[in-house]
């Protein structure tokens, strides 16, 4: 595997339109399955650090379960609720396994 990429989970373990928390070193990342397309962002909402992996997925965004901020899963930017941004991570699928670049 190329430098910086980490295998984190089998793709089949994340149901469509749901997120899961994964740890890579000190990074806690929210990994989402958008129906075969996987996206990842830091697992802390920029508002009050709510667990984004537990939020409700809508299109290519997630609603924070604490205060309903809408966060883009492509850019990590807040789309509603306020301003702020979380880090987004490159994701690729290879041989049924999800890889995240950190």
Protein backbone atom coordinates (compact mmCIF):
# COMPACT_ATOMS: atom_id res chain seq x y z
CA UNK A 1 0.00 0.00 0.00
CA UNK A 2 1.20 3.48 -0.81
CA UNK A 3 2.54 5.73 1.93
CA UNK A 4 -0.13 7.36 4.07
CA UNK A 5 -2.96 4.97 3.12
CA UNK A 6 -4.46 2.77 5.85
CA UNK A 7 -6.89 -0.13 5.49
CA UNK A 8 -9.68 0.59 7.95
CA UNK A 9 -12.67 -1.64 7.30
CA UNK A 10 -14.34 -4.12 4.98
CA UNK A 11 -16.79 -2.18 2.79
CA UNK A 12 -19.58 -4.67 3.50
CA UNK A 13 -19.50 -3.74 7.22
CA UNK A 14 -20.89 -0.25 6.62
CA UNK A 15 -24.53 -0.24 5.49
CA UNK A 16 -25.56 2.26 2.79
CA UNK A 17 -26.44 5.74 4.10
CA UNK A 18 -24.71 5.10 7.44
CA UNK A 19 -21.49 6.12 9.12
CA UNK A 20 -19.00 4.35 11.36
CA UNK A 21 -16.24 5.61 13.64
CA UNK A 22 -12.70 4.45 12.88
CA UNK A 23 -9.44 5.23 14.67
CA UNK A 24 -6.17 5.76 12.85
CA UNK A 25 -3.50 6.65 15.38
CA UNK A 26 -4.78 9.72 17.22
CA UNK A 27 -7.35 10.50 14.49
CA UNK A 28 -10.99 9.62 15.10
CA UNK A 29 -12.62 9.58 11.69
CA UNK A 30 -16.26 9.30 10.61
CA UNK A 31 -16.47 7.01 7.57
CA UNK A 32 -19.67 7.03 5.50
CA UNK A 33 -21.13 4.72 2.86
CA UNK A 34 -23.17 6.74 0.38
CA UNK A 35 -24.31 3.66 -1.51
CA UNK A 36 -20.95 2.35 -2.68
CA UNK A 37 -19.22 5.74 -2.59
CA UNK A 38 -17.26 6.19 0.64
CA UNK A 39 -16.34 9.54 2.23
CA UNK A 40 -14.52 10.38 5.46
CA UNK A 41 -14.23 13.42 7.75
CA UNK A 42 -13.06 14.06 11.30
CA UNK A 43 -15.62 12.66 13.73
CA UNK A 44 -16.10 15.95 15.60
CA UNK A 45 -18.63 18.57 14.53
CA UNK A 46 -17.04 22.05 14.39
CA UNK A 47 -19.80 23.38 16.66
CA UNK A 48 -19.68 21.34 19.88
CA UNK A 49 -17.68 18.30 18.74
CA UNK A 50 -20.71 16.06 18.26
CA UNK A 51 -20.01 12.55 16.88
CA UNK A 52 -20.67 12.94 13.14
CA UNK A 53 -20.51 9.16 12.56
CA UNK A 54 -23.78 8.94 14.54
CA UNK A 55 -25.51 11.59 12.42
CA UNK A 56 -28.16 11.24 9.74
CA UNK A 57 -26.85 11.10 6.17
CA UNK A 58 -28.62 13.19 3.52
CA UNK A 59 -27.08 13.11 0.05
CA UNK A 60 -23.38 13.93 0.47
CA UNK A 61 -23.86 15.56 3.86
CA UNK A 62 -24.43 14.51 7.46
CA UNK A 63 -26.52 16.17 10.17
CA UNK A 64 -24.75 16.32 13.53
CA UNK A 65 -26.78 14.39 16.13
CA UNK A 66 -26.28 17.07 18.80
CA UNK A 67 -27.45 20.34 17.24
CA UNK A 68 -28.38 19.41 13.65
CA UNK A 69 -25.55 21.24 11.89
CA UNK A 70 -25.28 20.03 8.29
CA UNK A 71 -21.70 19.10 7.30
CA UNK A 72 -20.53 18.40 3.74
CA UNK A 73 -18.90 14.97 3.52
CA UNK A 74 -16.94 16.10 0.45
CA UNK A 75 -15.35 19.27 1.89
CA UNK A 76 -15.98 19.08 5.65
CA UNK A 77 -17.56 22.57 5.55
CA UNK A 78 -20.66 23.45 7.54
CA UNK A 79 -23.56 23.92 5.11
CA UNK A 80 -26.12 25.05 7.70
CA UNK A 81 -26.28 25.77 11.41
CA UNK A 82 -23.21 27.97 11.48
CA UNK A 83 -19.72 28.25 10.10
CA UNK A 84 -16.79 25.93 10.53
CA UNK A 85 -15.03 23.02 8.92
CA UNK A 86 -13.70 19.59 9.76
CA UNK A 87 -10.89 17.82 7.93
CA UNK A 88 -11.91 15.53 5.08
CA UNK A 89 -9.83 12.52 4.05
CA UNK A 90 -9.25 10.82 0.68
CA UNK A 91 -10.90 7.39 0.56
CA UNK A 92 -10.57 4.55 -1.92
CA UNK A 93 -12.04 1.09 -2.21
CA UNK A 94 -9.77 -1.78 -3.24
CA UNK A 95 -10.62 -5.48 -3.17
CA UNK A 96 -13.61 -4.86 -0.90
CA UNK A 97 -11.55 -2.98 1.69
CA UNK A 98 -11.80 0.72 2.51
CA UNK A 99 -8.55 2.69 2.59
CA UNK A 100 -8.18 6.19 4.10
CA UNK A 101 -5.24 8.51 3.50
CA UNK A 102 -4.01 10.30 6.63
